[in-house]
Amino acid sequence: MPGLPESRPRLRVALLDADPIRVLGFSAAFEQHPRLEFFPLDLPGLIADLRISICLIGLHGNLNLTTTLSTLRGLRPDLHILLMGPEASDEEMLGLVSSGAKGYLDETATPEVIEQAVDAVLDGGIWAPRRVISEYGERVAVAAAPATSAAEFHLTIRERDVLRLLVAAQSNREIARALGIEERTVKAHVAKLMRKVGVDNRIALSVYAVRQAIFTTSDDLGTR
C-alpha cells in the first residue's frame, strides 16, 4: 500500500560457536528480533561470506581462539569480532582486545545488552567494562604513537567537530544530534579519521587526538 514505510532488512550477524545447543538457543532468542539476524557459520564460511561485517564468537567447546583470531585478522581484517564466554578477568579481556577482538560479553548477557554491544562495535568502539576500556586507553597512550603526526594531514572543520565530540566520549548518535547531521555521516567521518591517523578504533583515535594536542581533555571539549 502506498504511504507505508519500507521495512529495513535486519543486520546479519554471524554466530561462531562449537556448542550446538547454545547455537540453537541463541538463534531462537533472536528469531523475532526487529534489528538483528543471527545465523551460524563455521570459520571457512565466515571468511568466505563478505556480506558479514560483524560476528559473535562463543568461547565454548574445542575452539582454538588464538588461531581463530589470527586467521580472521589475516583474511578478514574488516570484520568486527565480539566474543562471548564465561566471566573473565580484566587482564584476560585486555589480552583479547589486544588480539583483535572488539568486545567481550558475558555469556549471560541479555538480547538488549547484545544489541547495544553490536551497535557500539559497529560504531568503532570497544565493548567491555568501563575500567577495562580505561586501562586499554592508558596502554594505547604509552605505546608507540602512530606513524602519522598531526602536522602530516589536514582536518576539515567538520572532521574537527566530530573529533572534538568523539574525544568527549560521545556516541555517533550523540555526535549526529549535536552537529545536526545523519548518524551514517558521522560514521563515515570517524572511519576516515581512523584511516588518516592509522588506528582501528575510537579509543586509539581519541588518545591520539589528545597526545597530538589536537584537543585537550580540559579546554576544548565543552560540556556533554
C-alpha atoms as a PDB file:
ATOM      1  CA  MET A   1       0.000   0.000   0.000  1.00  0.00           C
ATOM      2  CA  PRO A   2       1.328   3.472  -0.795  1.00  0.00           C
ATOM      3  CA  GLY A   3       2.394   5.576   2.126  1.00  0.00           C
ATOM      4  CA  LEU A   4       3.583   2.679   4.297  1.00  0.00           C
ATOM      5  CA  PRO A   5       7.233   2.876   5.417  1.00  0.00           C
ATOM      6  CA  GLU A   6       9.582   0.334   3.901  1.00  0.00           C
ATOM      7  CA  SER A   7      10.857  -2.249   6.348  1.00  0.00           C
ATOM      8  CA  ARG A   8      14.624  -2.196   6.736  1.00  0.00           C
ATOM      9  CA  PRO A   9      16.498  -5.511   6.441  1.00  0.00           C
ATOM     10  CA  ARG A  10      17.900  -6.847   9.655  1.00  0.00           C
ATOM     11  CA  LEU A  11      21.640  -6.679  10.256  1.00  0.00           C
ATOM     12  CA  ARG A  12      23.267 -10.026   9.562  1.00  0.00           C
ATOM     13  CA  VAL A  13      25.483 -11.151  12.446  1.00  0.00           C
ATOM     14  CA  ALA A  14      27.426 -14.389  12.149  1.00  0.00           C
ATOM     15  CA  LEU A  15      27.467 -16.761  15.109  1.00  0.00           C
ATOM     16  CA  LEU A  16      30.525 -18.965  15.514  1.00  0.00           C
ATOM     17  CA  ASP A  17      30.153 -21.390  18.408  1.00  0.00           C
ATOM     18  CA  ALA A  18      31.194 -25.036  18.828  1.00  0.00           C
ATOM     19  CA  ASP A  19      28.308 -25.835  21.193  1.00  0.00           C
ATOM     20  CA  PRO A  20      25.266 -26.781  19.048  1.00  0.00           C
ATOM     21  CA  ILE A  21      22.833 -26.409  21.953  1.00  0.00           C
ATOM     22  CA  ARG A  22      23.938 -22.824  22.556  1.00  0.00           C
ATOM     23  CA  VAL A  23      23.694 -22.089  18.842  1.00  0.00           C
ATOM     24  CA  LEU A  24      20.090 -23.321  18.734  1.00  0.00           C
ATOM     25  CA  GLY A  25      19.133 -21.401  21.855  1.00  0.00           C
ATOM     26  CA  PHE A  26      20.819 -18.230  20.712  1.00  0.00           C
ATOM     27  CA  SER A  27      19.290 -18.340  17.244  1.00  0.00           C
ATOM     28  CA  ALA A  28      15.844 -18.931  18.726  1.00  0.00           C
ATOM     29  CA  ALA A  29      16.221 -15.995  21.121  1.00  0.00           C
ATOM     30  CA  PHE A  30      16.825 -13.635  18.196  1.00  0.00           C
ATOM     31  CA  GLU A  31      14.436 -15.219  15.703  1.00  0.00           C
ATOM     32  CA  GLN A  32      11.921 -12.379  16.023  1.00  0.00           C
ATOM     33  CA  HIS A  33      14.363  -9.597  16.817  1.00  0.00           C
ATOM     34  CA  PRO A  34      13.497  -6.463  14.810  1.00  0.00           C
ATOM     35  CA  ARG A  35      17.072  -5.380  14.034  1.00  0.00           C
ATOM     36  CA  LEU A  36      19.497  -8.295  14.341  1.00  0.00           C
ATOM     37  CA  GLU A  37      19.591 -11.604  12.497  1.00  0.00           C
ATOM     38  CA  PHE A  38      21.989 -14.186  13.905  1.00  0.00           C
ATOM     39  CA  PHE A  39      22.886 -17.280  11.945  1.00  0.00           C
ATOM     40  CA  PRO A  40      25.553 -19.937  12.498  1.00  0.00           C
ATOM     41  CA  LEU A  41      28.662 -20.236  10.346  1.00  0.00           C
ATOM     42  CA  ASP A  42      31.869 -22.209  10.604  1.00  0.00           C
ATOM     43  CA  LEU A  43      35.227 -20.490  10.197  1.00  0.00           C
ATOM     44  CA  PRO A  44      35.610 -21.135   6.429  1.00  0.00           C
ATOM     45  CA  GLY A  45      32.061 -19.880   5.850  1.00  0.00           C
ATOM     46  CA  LEU A  46      32.713 -16.760   7.891  1.00  0.00           C
ATOM     47  CA  ILE A  47      35.848 -15.985   5.915  1.00  0.00           C
ATOM     48  CA  ALA A  48      34.086 -16.532   2.589  1.00  0.00           C
ATOM     49  CA  ASP A  49      30.901 -14.539   3.289  1.00  0.00           C
ATOM     50  CA  LEU A  50      31.937 -10.956   2.557  1.00  0.00           C
ATOM     51  CA  ARG A  51      28.417  -9.721   3.323  1.00  0.00           C
ATOM     52  CA  ILE A  52      29.181 -10.224   7.008  1.00  0.00           C
ATOM     53  CA  SER A  53      30.657  -7.229   8.813  1.00  0.00           C
ATOM     54  CA  ILE A  54      30.354  -8.491  12.402  1.00  0.00           C
ATOM     55  CA  CYS A  55      30.440 -11.839  14.136  1.00  0.00           C
ATOM     56  CA  LEU A  56      29.895 -13.166  17.640  1.00  0.00           C
ATOM     57  CA  ILE A  57      32.270 -15.947  18.684  1.00  0.00           C
ATOM     58  CA  GLY A  58      31.252 -18.157  21.582  1.00  0.00           C
ATOM     59  CA  LEU A  59      34.110 -19.430  23.734  1.00  0.00           C
ATOM     60  CA  HIS A  60      32.790 -22.953  24.120  1.00  0.00           C
ATOM     61  CA  GLY A  61      33.795 -26.415  23.002  1.00  0.00           C
ATOM     62  CA  ASN A  62      37.175 -27.020  21.419  1.00  0.00           C
ATOM     63  CA  LEU A  63      37.585 -23.633  19.735  1.00  0.00           C
ATOM     64  CA  ASN A  64      41.206 -22.537  19.381  1.00  0.00           C
ATOM     65  CA  LEU A  65      40.667 -18.827  19.939  1.00  0.00           C
ATOM     66  CA  THR A  66      44.249 -17.747  19.293  1.00  0.00           C
ATOM     67  CA  THR A  67      44.298 -19.442  15.893  1.00  0.00           C
ATOM     68  CA  THR A  68      40.804 -18.206  15.060  1.00  0.00           C
ATOM     69  CA  LEU A  69      41.590 -14.560  15.825  1.00  0.00           C
ATOM     70  CA  SER A  70      44.897 -14.755  13.971  1.00  0.00           C
ATOM     71  CA  THR A  71      43.204 -16.271  10.916  1.00  0.00           C
ATOM     72  CA  LEU A  72      40.443 -13.659  10.879  1.00  0.00           C
ATOM     73  CA  ARG A  73      42.933 -10.787  11.324  1.00  0.00           C
ATOM     74  CA  GLY A  74      44.843 -12.035   8.321  1.00  0.00           C
ATOM     75  CA  LEU A  75      41.972 -12.947   5.988  1.00  0.00           C
ATOM     76  CA  ARG A  76      39.117 -10.710   7.177  1.00  0.00           C
ATOM     77  CA  PRO A  77      40.707  -7.601   8.721  1.00  0.00           C
ATOM     78  CA  ASP A  78      37.452  -5.723   8.053  1.00  0.00           C
ATOM     79  CA  LEU A  79      35.450  -8.000  10.349  1.00  0.00           C
ATOM     80  CA  HIS A  80      34.240  -6.721  13.737  1.00  0.00           C
ATOM     81  CA  ILE A  81      34.638  -9.500  16.295  1.00  0.00           C
ATOM     82  CA  LEU A  82      32.675  -9.812  19.532  1.00  0.00           C
ATOM     83  CA  LEU A  83      33.460 -12.588  21.994  1.00  0.00           C
ATOM     84  CA  MET A  84      31.047 -14.212  24.438  1.00  0.00           C
ATOM     85  CA  GLY A  85      32.068 -16.537  27.229  1.00  0.00           C
ATOM     86  CA  PRO A  86      32.262 -17.126  30.969  1.00  0.00           C
ATOM     87  CA  GLU A  87      33.307 -14.411  33.388  1.00  0.00           C
ATOM     88  CA  ALA A  88      36.802 -13.194  32.507  1.00  0.00           C
ATOM     89  CA  SER A  89      39.355 -11.146  34.404  1.00  0.00           C
ATOM     90  CA  ASP A  90      40.255  -7.627  33.314  1.00  0.00           C
ATOM     91  CA  GLU A  91      43.654  -8.833  32.127  1.00  0.00           C
ATOM     92  CA  GLU A  92      42.081 -11.612  30.077  1.00  0.00           C
ATOM     93  CA  MET A  93      39.714  -9.152  28.393  1.00  0.00           C
ATOM     94  CA  LEU A  94      42.580  -6.740  27.716  1.00  0.00           C
ATOM     95  CA  GLY A  95      44.526  -9.556  26.122  1.00  0.00           C
ATOM     96  CA  LEU A  96      41.607 -10.488  23.881  1.00  0.00           C
ATOM     97  CA  VAL A  97      41.069  -6.893  22.784  1.00  0.00           C
ATOM     98  CA  SER A  98      44.770  -6.565  22.044  1.00  0.00           C
ATOM     99  CA  SER A  99      44.490  -9.736  19.933  1.00  0.00           C
ATOM    100  CA  GLY A 100      41.867  -8.231  17.654  1.00  0.00           C
ATOM    101  CA  ALA A 101      38.523  -8.651  19.425  1.00  0.00           C
ATOM    102  CA  LYS A 102      36.330  -5.562  19.655  1.00  0.00           C
ATOM    103  CA  GLY A 103      34.495  -6.562  22.789  1.00  0.00           C
ATOM    104  CA  TYR A 104      33.718  -9.210  25.379  1.00  0.00           C
ATOM    105  CA  LEU A 105      30.243 -10.224  26.521  1.00  0.00           C
ATOM    106  CA  ASP A 106      29.375 -12.377  29.488  1.00  0.00           C
ATOM    107  CA  GLU A 107      27.520 -15.487  28.332  1.00  0.00           C
ATOM    108  CA  THR A 108      24.517 -14.448  30.447  1.00  0.00           C
ATOM    109  CA  ALA A 109      24.088 -11.156  28.535  1.00  0.00           C
ATOM    110  CA  THR A 110      20.513 -10.312  27.562  1.00  0.00           C
ATOM    111  CA  PRO A 111      19.446  -9.665  23.957  1.00  0.00           C
ATOM    112  CA  GLU A 112      19.226  -5.957  24.824  1.00  0.00           C
ATOM    113  CA  VAL A 113      22.844  -5.873  26.006  1.00  0.00           C
ATOM    114  CA  ILE A 114      23.977  -7.859  22.967  1.00  0.00           C
ATOM    115  CA  GLU A 115      22.250  -5.340  20.692  1.00  0.00           C
ATOM    116  CA  GLN A 116      23.996  -2.463  22.499  1.00  0.00           C
ATOM    117  CA  ALA A 117      27.346  -4.218  22.113  1.00  0.00           C
ATOM    118  CA  VAL A 118      26.810  -4.772  18.387  1.00  0.00           C
ATOM    119  CA  ASP A 119      25.928  -1.102  17.892  1.00  0.00           C
ATOM    120  CA  ALA A 120      28.942   0.074  19.905  1.00  0.00           C
ATOM    121  CA  VAL A 121      31.378  -2.127  17.996  1.00  0.00           C
ATOM    122  CA  LEU A 122      29.981  -1.142  14.598  1.00  0.00           C
ATOM    123  CA  ASP A 123      30.401   2.490  15.697  1.00  0.00           C
ATOM    124  CA  GLY A 124      34.121   1.801  16.078  1.00  0.00           C
ATOM    125  CA  GLY A 125      34.089   1.377  19.837  1.00  0.00           C
ATOM    126  CA  ILE A 126      35.077  -1.406  22.208  1.00  0.00           C
ATOM    127  CA  TRP A 127      32.549  -3.228  24.380  1.00  0.00           C
ATOM    128  CA  ALA A 128      33.928  -4.087  27.805  1.00  0.00           C
ATOM    129  CA  PRO A 129      33.573  -2.844  31.383  1.00  0.00           C
ATOM    130  CA  ARG A 130      34.486   0.846  31.687  1.00  0.00           C
ATOM    131  CA  ARG A 131      37.536   0.070  33.828  1.00  0.00           C
ATOM    132  CA  VAL A 132      38.871  -2.251  31.116  1.00  0.00           C
ATOM    133  CA  ILE A 133      38.344   0.374  28.410  1.00  0.00           C
ATOM    134  CA  SER A 134      40.103   2.942  30.604  1.00  0.00           C
ATOM    135  CA  GLU A 135      43.083   0.642  31.096  1.00  0.00           C
ATOM    136  CA  TYR A 136      43.181  -0.130  27.388  1.00  0.00           C
ATOM    137  CA  GLY A 137      43.257   3.596  26.643  1.00  0.00           C
ATOM    138  CA  GLU A 138      46.167   4.089  29.025  1.00  0.00           C
ATOM    139  CA  ARG A 139      48.107   1.282  27.368  1.00  0.00           C
ATOM    140  CA  VAL A 140      47.438   2.749  23.944  1.00  0.00           C
ATOM    141  CA  ALA A 141      48.681   6.111  25.225  1.00  0.00           C
ATOM    142  CA  VAL A 142      52.025   4.733  26.370  1.00  0.00           C
ATOM    143  CA  ALA A 143      52.519   2.584  23.277  1.00  0.00           C
ATOM    144  CA  ALA A 144      54.348   3.793  20.216  1.00  0.00           C
ATOM    145  CA  ALA A 145      52.491   6.635  18.525  1.00  0.00           C
ATOM    146  CA  PRO A 146      51.009   6.085  15.053  1.00  0.00           C
ATOM    147  CA  ALA A 147      53.360   6.787  12.175  1.00  0.00           C
ATOM    148  CA  THR A 148      51.284   9.785  11.118  1.00  0.00           C
ATOM    149  CA  SER A 149      51.799  13.012  13.041  1.00  0.00           C
ATOM    150  CA  ALA A 150      49.173  15.719  13.360  1.00  0.00           C
ATOM    151  CA  ALA A 151      51.187  18.003  11.108  1.00  0.00           C
ATOM    152  CA  GLU A 152      51.080  15.478   8.259  1.00  0.00           C
ATOM    153  CA  PHE A 153      47.373  15.686   7.462  1.00  0.00           C
ATOM    154  CA  HIS A 154      44.681  18.319   7.254  1.00  0.00           C
ATOM    155  CA  LEU A 155      41.430  18.171   9.219  1.00  0.00           C
ATOM    156  CA  THR A 156      38.353  19.767   7.764  1.00  0.00           C
ATOM    157  CA  ILE A 157      36.161  21.885  10.034  1.00  0.00           C
ATOM    158  CA  ARG A 158      33.588  19.094  10.163  1.00  0.00           C
ATOM    159  CA  GLU A 159      36.223  16.471  10.972  1.00  0.00           C
ATOM    160  CA  ARG A 160      37.472  18.644  13.842  1.00  0.00           C
ATOM    161  CA  ASP A 161      33.905  18.973  15.134  1.00  0.00           C
ATOM    162  CA  VAL A 162      33.409  15.200  15.019  1.00  0.00           C
ATOM    163  CA  LEU A 163      36.784  14.515  16.622  1.00  0.00           C
ATOM    164  CA  ARG A 164      36.180  17.035  19.413  1.00  0.00           C
ATOM    165  CA  LEU A 165      32.928  15.302  20.372  1.00  0.00           C
ATOM    166  CA  LEU A 166      34.453  11.853  19.983  1.00  0.00           C
ATOM    167  CA  VAL A 167      37.211  12.799  22.436  1.00  0.00           C
ATOM    168  CA  ALA A 168      34.411  13.863  24.791  1.00  0.00           C
ATOM    169  CA  ALA A 169      33.239  10.201  24.663  1.00  0.00           C
ATOM    170  CA  GLN A 170      30.035  10.907  22.763  1.00  0.00           C
ATOM    171  CA  SER A 171      28.450   8.189  20.657  1.00  0.00           C
ATOM    172  CA  ASN A 172      27.809   8.510  16.939  1.00  0.00           C
ATOM    173  CA  ARG A 173      24.162   9.203  17.671  1.00  0.00           C
ATOM    174  CA  GLU A 174      25.035  11.979  20.138  1.00  0.00           C
ATOM    175  CA  ILE A 175      27.543  13.500  17.728  1.00  0.00           C
ATOM    176  CA  ALA A 176      24.987  13.458  14.914  1.00  0.00           C
ATOM    177  CA  ARG A 177      22.419  15.170  17.123  1.00  0.00           C
ATOM    178  CA  ALA A 178      24.889  17.812  18.289  1.00  0.00           C
ATOM    179  CA  LEU A 179      26.050  18.653  14.761  1.00  0.00           C
ATOM    180  CA  GLY A 180      22.696  18.313  13.014  1.00  0.00           C
ATOM    181  CA  ILE A 181      23.890  15.617  10.609  1.00  0.00           C
ATOM    182  CA  GLU A 182      22.968  11.992   9.948  1.00  0.00           C
ATOM    183  CA  GLU A 183      24.487   9.206  12.030  1.00  0.00           C
ATOM    184  CA  ARG A 184      25.830   7.471   8.918  1.00  0.00           C
ATOM    185  CA  THR A 185      27.679  10.696   8.051  1.00  0.00           C
ATOM    186  CA  VAL A 186      29.321  10.640  11.485  1.00  0.00           C
ATOM    187  CA  LYS A 187      30.369   7.016  10.929  1.00  0.00           C
ATOM    188  CA  ALA A 188      31.956   7.984   7.616  1.00  0.00           C
ATOM    189  CA  HIS A 189      33.883  10.852   9.253  1.00  0.00           C
ATOM    190  CA  VAL A 190      35.117   8.619  12.086  1.00  0.00           C
ATOM    191  CA  ALA A 191      36.218   5.921   9.654  1.00  0.00           C
ATOM    192  CA  LYS A 192      38.098   8.484   7.553  1.00  0.00           C
ATOM    193  CA  LEU A 193      39.782   9.933  10.653  1.00  0.00           C
ATOM    194  CA  MET A 194      40.927   6.480  11.762  1.00  0.00           C
ATOM    195  CA  ARG A 195      42.398   5.839   8.306  1.00  0.00           C
ATOM    196  CA  LYS A 196      44.197   9.186   8.340  1.00  0.00           C
ATOM    197  CA  VAL A 197      45.714   8.546  11.755  1.00  0.00           C
ATOM    198  CA  GLY A 198      46.419   4.857  11.234  1.00  0.00           C
ATOM    199  CA  VAL A 199      44.385   3.389  14.110  1.00  0.00           C
ATOM    200  CA  ASP A 200      41.495   0.922  14.134  1.00  0.00           C
ATOM    201  CA  ASN A 201      39.228   2.011  16.980  1.00  0.00           C
ATOM    202  CA  ARG A 202      37.713   5.096  18.597  1.00  0.00           C
ATOM    203  CA  ILE A 203      39.709   4.845  21.808  1.00  0.00           C
ATOM    204  CA  ALA A 204      43.030   4.916  19.973  1.00  0.00           C
ATOM    205  CA  LEU A 205      41.782   7.814  17.836  1.00  0.00           C
ATOM    206  CA  SER A 206      40.760   9.799  20.939  1.00  0.00           C
ATOM    207  CA  VAL A 207      44.069   9.118  22.675  1.00  0.00           C
ATOM    208  CA  TYR A 208      45.932  10.184  19.550  1.00  0.00           C
ATOM    209  CA  ALA A 209      43.987  13.466  19.342  1.00  0.00           C
ATOM    210  CA  VAL A 210      44.879  14.308  22.944  1.00  0.00           C
ATOM    211  CA  ARG A 211      48.527  13.246  22.631  1.00  0.00           C
ATOM    212  CA  GLN A 212      48.993  15.305  19.493  1.00  0.00           C
ATOM    213  CA  ALA A 213      47.361  18.298  21.230  1.00  0.00           C
ATOM    214  CA  ILE A 214      44.639  18.449  18.590  1.00  0.00           C
ATOM    215  CA  PHE A 215      42.339  18.730  21.596  1.00  0.00           C
ATOM    216  CA  THR A 216      42.965  18.703  25.326  1.00  0.00           C
ATOM    217  CA  THR A 217      40.882  16.912  27.897  1.00  0.00           C
ATOM    218  CA  SER A 218      40.018  20.155  29.682  1.00  0.00           C
ATOM    219  CA  ASP A 219      39.947  23.181  27.384  1.00  0.00           C
ATOM    220  CA  ASP A 220      38.445  22.135  24.077  1.00  0.00           C
ATOM    221  CA  LEU A 221      35.807  19.525  24.819  1.00  0.00           C
ATOM    222  CA  GLY A 222      32.915  21.629  26.007  1.00  0.00           C
ATOM    223  CA  THR A 223      30.138  20.088  28.021  1.00  0.00           C
ATOM    224  CA  ARG A 224      28.439  16.798  27.465  1.00  0.00           C
END
